């Protein structure tokens, strides 16, 4: 499945498998050289989707702002967009940011330890610190 096909089909179960496979391929591609960081460690996409759906419902908003703190390659942002969120991510590894941009996500280079999350309705954090 191409990146464009993955983006176009993220709302079905087959695409969840594809997203998980893409994350798995990137799992150890670029190690984290910062002692305060775990590196890329993907959360299971099927569990994420369930948590995200509950979080979106809990906001009571149409199009809540979703931020992925430690976005990796941006797959969680893609899933959040498919769930109706305005999504962006912050990532410290330039290689992951480059891949996220190829996937069509709004992921930028930054440090979650100093980021201002005050405009976010939902913040996703998956163990970015040791």
N, C-alpha and C. Protein backbone atom coordinates (compact mmCIF):
# COMPACT_ATOMS: atom_id res chain seq x y z
N UNK A 1 0.85 -1.18 0.00
CA UNK A 1 0.00 0.00 0.00
C UNK A 1 0.90 1.24 0.00
N UNK A 2 0.60 2.17 -0.89
CA UNK A 2 1.38 3.41 -0.95
C UNK A 2 1.00 4.32 0.21
N UNK A 3 1.83 5.35 0.44
CA UNK A 3 1.52 6.32 1.49
C UNK A 3 0.21 7.03 1.19
N UNK A 4 -0.02 7.37 -0.06
CA UNK A 4 -1.27 8.05 -0.43
C UNK A 4 -2.48 7.16 -0.16
N UNK A 5 -2.36 5.87 -0.47
CA UNK A 5 -3.46 4.94 -0.22
C UNK A 5 -3.71 4.78 1.27
N UNK A 6 -2.63 4.75 2.05
CA UNK A 6 -2.77 4.64 3.50
C UNK A 6 -3.54 5.84 4.04
N UNK A 7 -3.14 7.04 3.63
CA UNK A 7 -3.81 8.25 4.09
C UNK A 7 -5.28 8.24 3.70
N UNK A 8 -5.58 7.81 2.49
CA UNK A 8 -6.95 7.82 1.99
C UNK A 8 -7.84 6.80 2.68
N UNK A 9 -7.27 5.77 3.27
CA UNK A 9 -8.10 4.68 3.80
C UNK A 9 -7.98 4.50 5.31
N UNK A 10 -7.54 5.50 6.02
CA UNK A 10 -7.29 5.31 7.45
C UNK A 10 -8.52 5.09 8.31
N UNK A 11 -9.70 5.15 7.74
CA UNK A 11 -10.89 4.96 8.55
C UNK A 11 -11.38 3.51 8.54
N UNK A 12 -10.69 2.60 7.90
CA UNK A 12 -11.13 1.21 7.92
C UNK A 12 -10.10 0.32 8.62
N UNK A 13 -10.52 -0.90 8.97
CA UNK A 13 -9.66 -1.79 9.74
C UNK A 13 -8.40 -2.20 8.98
N UNK A 14 -8.48 -2.35 7.67
CA UNK A 14 -7.32 -2.70 6.87
C UNK A 14 -6.25 -1.63 7.00
N UNK A 15 -6.65 -0.38 7.02
CA UNK A 15 -5.68 0.70 7.12
C UNK A 15 -5.02 0.72 8.49
N UNK A 16 -5.73 0.27 9.53
CA UNK A 16 -5.11 0.19 10.85
C UNK A 16 -3.95 -0.80 10.82
N UNK A 17 -4.14 -1.90 10.12
CA UNK A 17 -3.06 -2.88 9.97
C UNK A 17 -1.89 -2.26 9.20
N UNK A 18 -2.22 -1.50 8.14
CA UNK A 18 -1.18 -0.84 7.35
C UNK A 18 -0.43 0.20 8.19
N UNK A 19 -1.16 0.97 8.98
CA UNK A 19 -0.53 1.97 9.83
C UNK A 19 0.39 1.30 10.85
N UNK A 20 -0.07 0.20 11.43
CA UNK A 20 0.76 -0.53 12.40
C UNK A 20 2.01 -1.07 11.73
N UNK A 21 1.88 -1.55 10.50
CA UNK A 21 3.05 -2.07 9.78
C UNK A 21 4.04 -0.96 9.48
N UNK A 22 3.53 0.21 9.11
CA UNK A 22 4.40 1.35 8.84
C UNK A 22 5.14 1.76 10.11
N UNK A 23 4.43 1.82 11.22
CA UNK A 23 5.07 2.16 12.50
C UNK A 23 6.13 1.13 12.86
N UNK A 24 5.82 -0.14 12.67
CA UNK A 24 6.75 -1.21 12.98
C UNK A 24 8.04 -1.07 12.17
N UNK A 25 7.89 -0.69 10.90
CA UNK A 25 9.06 -0.53 10.04
C UNK A 25 9.97 0.59 10.52
N UNK A 26 9.40 1.58 11.19
CA UNK A 26 10.18 2.72 11.68
C UNK A 26 10.63 2.56 13.12
N UNK A 27 10.20 1.51 13.79
CA UNK A 27 10.44 1.33 15.22
C UNK A 27 11.90 1.60 15.63
N UNK A 28 12.85 1.01 14.96
CA UNK A 28 14.26 1.18 15.36
C UNK A 28 15.10 1.80 14.25
N UNK A 29 14.46 2.49 13.34
CA UNK A 29 15.17 3.05 12.19
C UNK A 29 16.17 4.13 12.58
N UNK A 30 15.77 5.02 13.47
CA UNK A 30 16.65 6.10 13.91
C UNK A 30 16.61 6.15 15.43
N UNK A 31 17.72 5.84 16.04
CA UNK A 31 17.75 5.80 17.51
C UNK A 31 17.75 7.21 18.08
N UNK A 32 17.28 7.29 19.29
CA UNK A 32 17.24 8.55 20.01
C UNK A 32 18.60 8.73 20.69
N UNK A 33 19.21 9.87 20.48
CA UNK A 33 20.52 10.11 21.07
C UNK A 33 20.45 10.97 22.32
N UNK A 34 19.25 11.23 22.76
CA UNK A 34 19.02 12.07 23.93
C UNK A 34 18.70 11.16 25.12
N UNK A 35 19.44 11.31 26.21
CA UNK A 35 19.24 10.45 27.38
C UNK A 35 17.86 10.59 28.00
N UNK A 36 17.15 11.66 27.68
CA UNK A 36 15.82 11.89 28.24
C UNK A 36 14.70 11.36 27.36
N UNK A 37 15.02 10.60 26.34
CA UNK A 37 14.03 10.19 25.35
C UNK A 37 14.08 8.69 25.11
N UNK A 38 12.91 8.11 24.88
CA UNK A 38 12.81 6.68 24.56
C UNK A 38 13.10 6.37 23.11
N UNK A 39 12.94 7.32 22.23
CA UNK A 39 12.97 7.03 20.80
C UNK A 39 11.57 6.66 20.36
N UNK A 40 11.44 6.14 19.15
CA UNK A 40 10.13 5.84 18.60
C UNK A 40 9.61 4.53 19.16
N UNK A 41 8.51 4.60 19.86
CA UNK A 41 7.86 3.42 20.43
C UNK A 41 6.37 3.58 20.18
N UNK A 42 5.89 2.90 19.16
CA UNK A 42 4.50 3.08 18.72
C UNK A 42 3.50 2.40 19.65
N UNK A 43 2.39 3.10 19.91
CA UNK A 43 1.28 2.55 20.68
C UNK A 43 0.38 1.80 19.70
N UNK A 44 -0.17 0.66 20.07
CA UNK A 44 -1.02 -0.10 19.14
C UNK A 44 -2.16 0.75 18.58
N UNK A 45 -2.27 0.78 17.25
CA UNK A 45 -3.22 1.67 16.59
C UNK A 45 -4.68 1.34 16.90
N UNK A 46 -5.00 0.07 17.09
CA UNK A 46 -6.39 -0.28 17.39
C UNK A 46 -6.79 0.23 18.78
N UNK A 47 -5.90 0.12 19.75
CA UNK A 47 -6.18 0.65 21.09
C UNK A 47 -6.21 2.16 21.07
N UNK A 48 -5.30 2.76 20.32
CA UNK A 48 -5.27 4.22 20.20
C UNK A 48 -6.61 4.72 19.66
N UNK A 49 -7.12 4.08 18.61
CA UNK A 49 -8.37 4.53 18.00
C UNK A 49 -9.51 4.51 19.03
N UNK A 50 -9.55 3.49 19.86
CA UNK A 50 -10.61 3.43 20.89
C UNK A 50 -10.47 4.56 21.90
N UNK A 51 -9.24 4.80 22.35
CA UNK A 51 -8.99 5.88 23.31
C UNK A 51 -9.32 7.23 22.67
N UNK A 52 -8.89 7.41 21.43
CA UNK A 52 -9.15 8.67 20.72
C UNK A 52 -10.65 8.92 20.58
N UNK A 53 -11.40 7.92 20.18
CA UNK A 53 -12.85 8.10 20.03
C UNK A 53 -13.49 8.52 21.34
N UNK A 54 -13.05 7.93 22.45
CA UNK A 54 -13.58 8.31 23.76
C UNK A 54 -13.18 9.75 24.11
N UNK A 55 -11.95 10.11 23.80
CA UNK A 55 -11.48 11.47 24.11
C UNK A 55 -12.22 12.51 23.28
N UNK A 56 -12.43 12.23 22.00
CA UNK A 56 -13.16 13.15 21.14
C UNK A 56 -14.58 13.34 21.67
N UNK A 57 -15.23 12.26 22.04
CA UNK A 57 -16.59 12.35 22.59
C UNK A 57 -16.60 13.15 23.89
N UNK A 58 -15.59 12.95 24.73
CA UNK A 58 -15.54 13.63 26.02
C UNK A 58 -15.36 15.14 25.89
N UNK A 59 -14.73 15.60 24.80
CA UNK A 59 -14.56 17.05 24.63
C UNK A 59 -15.89 17.73 24.37
N UNK A 60 -16.84 17.01 23.75
CA UNK A 60 -18.12 17.61 23.40
C UNK A 60 -18.00 18.64 22.28
N UNK A 61 -16.88 18.66 21.59
CA UNK A 61 -16.64 19.65 20.55
C UNK A 61 -16.65 18.99 19.17
N UNK A 62 -16.98 19.78 18.19
CA UNK A 62 -16.82 19.36 16.81
C UNK A 62 -15.43 19.82 16.38
N UNK A 63 -14.61 18.90 15.91
CA UNK A 63 -13.26 19.24 15.47
C UNK A 63 -12.32 19.68 16.57
N UNK A 64 -12.21 18.89 17.66
CA UNK A 64 -11.29 19.28 18.73
C UNK A 64 -9.84 19.29 18.24
N UNK A 65 -9.02 20.05 18.92
CA UNK A 65 -7.59 20.13 18.58
C UNK A 65 -6.86 18.99 19.27
N UNK A 66 -6.21 18.16 18.48
CA UNK A 66 -5.46 17.01 18.95
C UNK A 66 -3.97 17.29 18.73
N UNK A 67 -3.17 17.06 19.79
CA UNK A 67 -1.72 17.23 19.67
C UNK A 67 -1.06 15.93 20.09
N UNK A 68 -0.17 15.43 19.24
CA UNK A 68 0.62 14.24 19.55
C UNK A 68 1.99 14.71 20.00
N UNK A 69 2.26 14.57 21.29
CA UNK A 69 3.54 14.97 21.87
C UNK A 69 4.53 13.82 21.74
N UNK A 70 5.43 13.95 20.79
CA UNK A 70 6.32 12.85 20.45
C UNK A 70 5.69 12.07 19.32
N UNK A 71 5.42 12.75 18.21
CA UNK A 71 4.56 12.24 17.15
C UNK A 71 5.17 11.14 16.30
N UNK A 72 6.46 10.91 16.41
CA UNK A 72 7.06 9.89 15.56
C UNK A 72 6.82 10.22 14.10
N UNK A 73 6.31 9.26 13.34
CA UNK A 73 6.09 9.47 11.90
C UNK A 73 4.69 10.00 11.58
N UNK A 74 3.91 10.32 12.59
CA UNK A 74 2.65 11.03 12.38
C UNK A 74 1.40 10.19 12.18
N UNK A 75 1.48 8.89 12.36
CA UNK A 75 0.30 8.06 12.11
C UNK A 75 -0.85 8.37 13.06
N UNK A 76 -0.55 8.72 14.30
CA UNK A 76 -1.63 9.06 15.24
C UNK A 76 -2.31 10.35 14.83
N UNK A 77 -1.57 11.29 14.26
CA UNK A 77 -2.18 12.52 13.74
C UNK A 77 -3.12 12.20 12.59
N UNK A 78 -2.70 11.29 11.71
CA UNK A 78 -3.58 10.89 10.60
C UNK A 78 -4.88 10.28 11.12
N UNK A 79 -4.76 9.41 12.11
CA UNK A 79 -5.96 8.79 12.68
C UNK A 79 -6.84 9.83 13.36
N UNK A 80 -6.22 10.79 14.04
CA UNK A 80 -6.99 11.85 14.69
C UNK A 80 -7.73 12.71 13.66
N UNK A 81 -7.06 13.00 12.54
CA UNK A 81 -7.73 13.76 11.48
C UNK A 81 -8.94 12.99 10.95
N UNK A 82 -8.80 11.68 10.78
CA UNK A 82 -9.90 10.85 10.30
C UNK A 82 -11.05 10.80 11.32
N UNK A 83 -10.73 11.05 12.58
CA UNK A 83 -11.76 11.07 13.63
C UNK A 83 -12.38 12.46 13.77
N UNK A 84 -12.00 13.39 12.89
CA UNK A 84 -12.60 14.72 12.90
C UNK A 84 -11.83 15.77 13.67
N UNK A 85 -10.63 15.45 14.11
CA UNK A 85 -9.83 16.42 14.87
C UNK A 85 -9.01 17.31 13.94
N UNK A 86 -8.67 18.46 14.46
CA UNK A 86 -7.62 19.29 13.85
C UNK A 86 -6.35 18.81 14.56
N UNK A 87 -5.47 18.14 13.83
CA UNK A 87 -4.35 17.45 14.47
C UNK A 87 -3.00 17.99 14.04
N UNK A 88 -2.11 18.06 15.02
CA UNK A 88 -0.71 18.33 14.72
C UNK A 88 0.16 17.60 15.73
N UNK A 89 1.42 17.45 15.40
CA UNK A 89 2.34 16.74 16.28
C UNK A 89 3.65 17.48 16.46
N UNK A 90 4.30 17.14 17.55
CA UNK A 90 5.62 17.69 17.88
C UNK A 90 6.57 16.51 17.99
N UNK A 91 7.70 16.61 17.34
CA UNK A 91 8.68 15.52 17.35
C UNK A 91 10.09 16.11 17.36
N UNK A 92 10.99 15.49 18.11
CA UNK A 92 12.36 16.01 18.21
C UNK A 92 13.31 15.40 17.18
N UNK A 93 12.91 14.30 16.53
CA UNK A 93 13.78 13.60 15.60
C UNK A 93 13.45 14.04 14.17
N UNK A 94 14.42 14.69 13.52
CA UNK A 94 14.16 15.24 12.19
C UNK A 94 13.81 14.17 11.16
N UNK A 95 14.33 12.96 11.30
CA UNK A 95 14.01 11.89 10.36
C UNK A 95 12.53 11.50 10.45
N UNK A 96 12.00 11.46 11.66
CA UNK A 96 10.58 11.15 11.84
C UNK A 96 9.72 12.28 11.30
N UNK A 97 10.13 13.52 11.53
CA UNK A 97 9.37 14.66 11.02
C UNK A 97 9.32 14.62 9.49
N UNK A 98 10.44 14.31 8.87
CA UNK A 98 10.49 14.22 7.40
C UNK A 98 9.51 13.15 6.90
N UNK A 99 9.46 12.00 7.56
CA UNK A 99 8.54 10.94 7.16
C UNK A 99 7.09 11.35 7.40
N UNK A 100 6.83 12.02 8.51
CA UNK A 100 5.48 12.50 8.82
C UNK A 100 4.99 13.46 7.75
N UNK A 101 5.86 14.33 7.30
CA UNK A 101 5.49 15.28 6.25
C UNK A 101 5.17 14.53 4.96
N UNK A 102 5.92 13.48 4.64
CA UNK A 102 5.62 12.66 3.46
C UNK A 102 4.24 12.02 3.56
N UNK A 103 3.82 11.70 4.79
CA UNK A 103 2.49 11.13 5.00
C UNK A 103 1.39 12.18 4.93
N UNK A 104 1.79 13.45 4.87
CA UNK A 104 0.80 14.52 4.76
C UNK A 104 0.31 15.05 6.10
N UNK A 105 1.07 14.80 7.15
CA UNK A 105 0.64 15.26 8.47
C UNK A 105 1.30 16.58 8.84
N UNK A 106 0.71 17.26 9.79
CA UNK A 106 1.25 18.51 10.31
C UNK A 106 2.07 18.17 11.56
N UNK A 107 3.28 17.68 11.33
CA UNK A 107 4.20 17.36 12.42
C UNK A 107 5.43 18.24 12.24
N UNK A 108 5.81 18.92 13.32
CA UNK A 108 6.95 19.81 13.27
C UNK A 108 8.01 19.45 14.28
N UNK A 109 9.19 19.96 14.05
CA UNK A 109 10.32 19.73 14.94
C UNK A 109 10.16 20.58 16.19
N UNK A 110 10.25 19.97 17.35
CA UNK A 110 10.11 20.71 18.59
C UNK A 110 10.42 19.84 19.80
N UNK A 111 10.38 20.45 20.96
CA UNK A 111 10.67 19.77 22.23
C UNK A 111 9.41 19.80 23.09
N UNK A 112 8.83 18.65 23.34
CA UNK A 112 7.58 18.60 24.11
C UNK A 112 7.76 19.09 25.55
N UNK A 113 8.99 19.07 26.03
CA UNK A 113 9.24 19.51 27.41
C UNK A 113 9.04 21.00 27.59
N UNK A 114 9.09 21.76 26.49
CA UNK A 114 8.93 23.22 26.58
C UNK A 114 7.75 23.72 25.74
N UNK A 115 6.96 22.82 25.17
CA UNK A 115 5.86 23.20 24.28
C UNK A 115 4.67 23.74 25.07
N UNK A 116 3.97 24.69 24.51
CA UNK A 116 2.75 25.23 25.11
C UNK A 116 1.55 24.48 24.56
N UNK A 117 0.92 23.66 25.39
CA UNK A 117 -0.22 22.84 24.97
C UNK A 117 -1.56 23.49 25.32
N UNK A 118 -1.55 24.75 25.69
CA UNK A 118 -2.78 25.40 26.18
C UNK A 118 -3.91 25.44 25.16
N UNK A 119 -3.63 25.39 23.87
CA UNK A 119 -4.68 25.43 22.87
C UNK A 119 -5.23 24.07 22.49
N UNK A 120 -4.72 23.02 23.11
CA UNK A 120 -5.13 21.66 22.74
C UNK A 120 -6.32 21.19 23.57
N UNK A 121 -7.20 20.44 22.92
CA UNK A 121 -8.29 19.78 23.62
C UNK A 121 -7.89 18.37 24.05
N UNK A 122 -7.07 17.73 23.22
CA UNK A 122 -6.60 16.37 23.48
C UNK A 122 -5.09 16.36 23.26
N UNK A 123 -4.34 15.88 24.24
CA UNK A 123 -2.89 15.72 24.10
C UNK A 123 -2.57 14.24 24.27
N UNK A 124 -1.94 13.68 23.25
CA UNK A 124 -1.54 12.27 23.29
C UNK A 124 -0.05 12.20 23.63
N UNK A 125 0.29 11.45 24.69
CA UNK A 125 1.67 11.25 25.11
C UNK A 125 1.87 9.76 25.29
N UNK A 126 2.87 9.22 24.62
CA UNK A 126 3.18 7.80 24.71
C UNK A 126 4.60 7.59 25.18
N UNK A 127 4.83 7.74 26.46
CA UNK A 127 6.13 7.48 27.11
C UNK A 127 7.33 8.11 26.42
N UNK A 128 7.34 9.43 26.21
CA UNK A 128 8.50 10.00 25.54
C UNK A 128 9.70 10.20 26.44
N UNK A 129 9.56 10.01 27.75
CA UNK A 129 10.67 10.28 28.66
C UNK A 129 11.11 9.03 29.39
N UNK A 130 12.34 9.02 29.80
CA UNK A 130 12.87 7.91 30.64
C UNK A 130 12.71 8.29 32.09
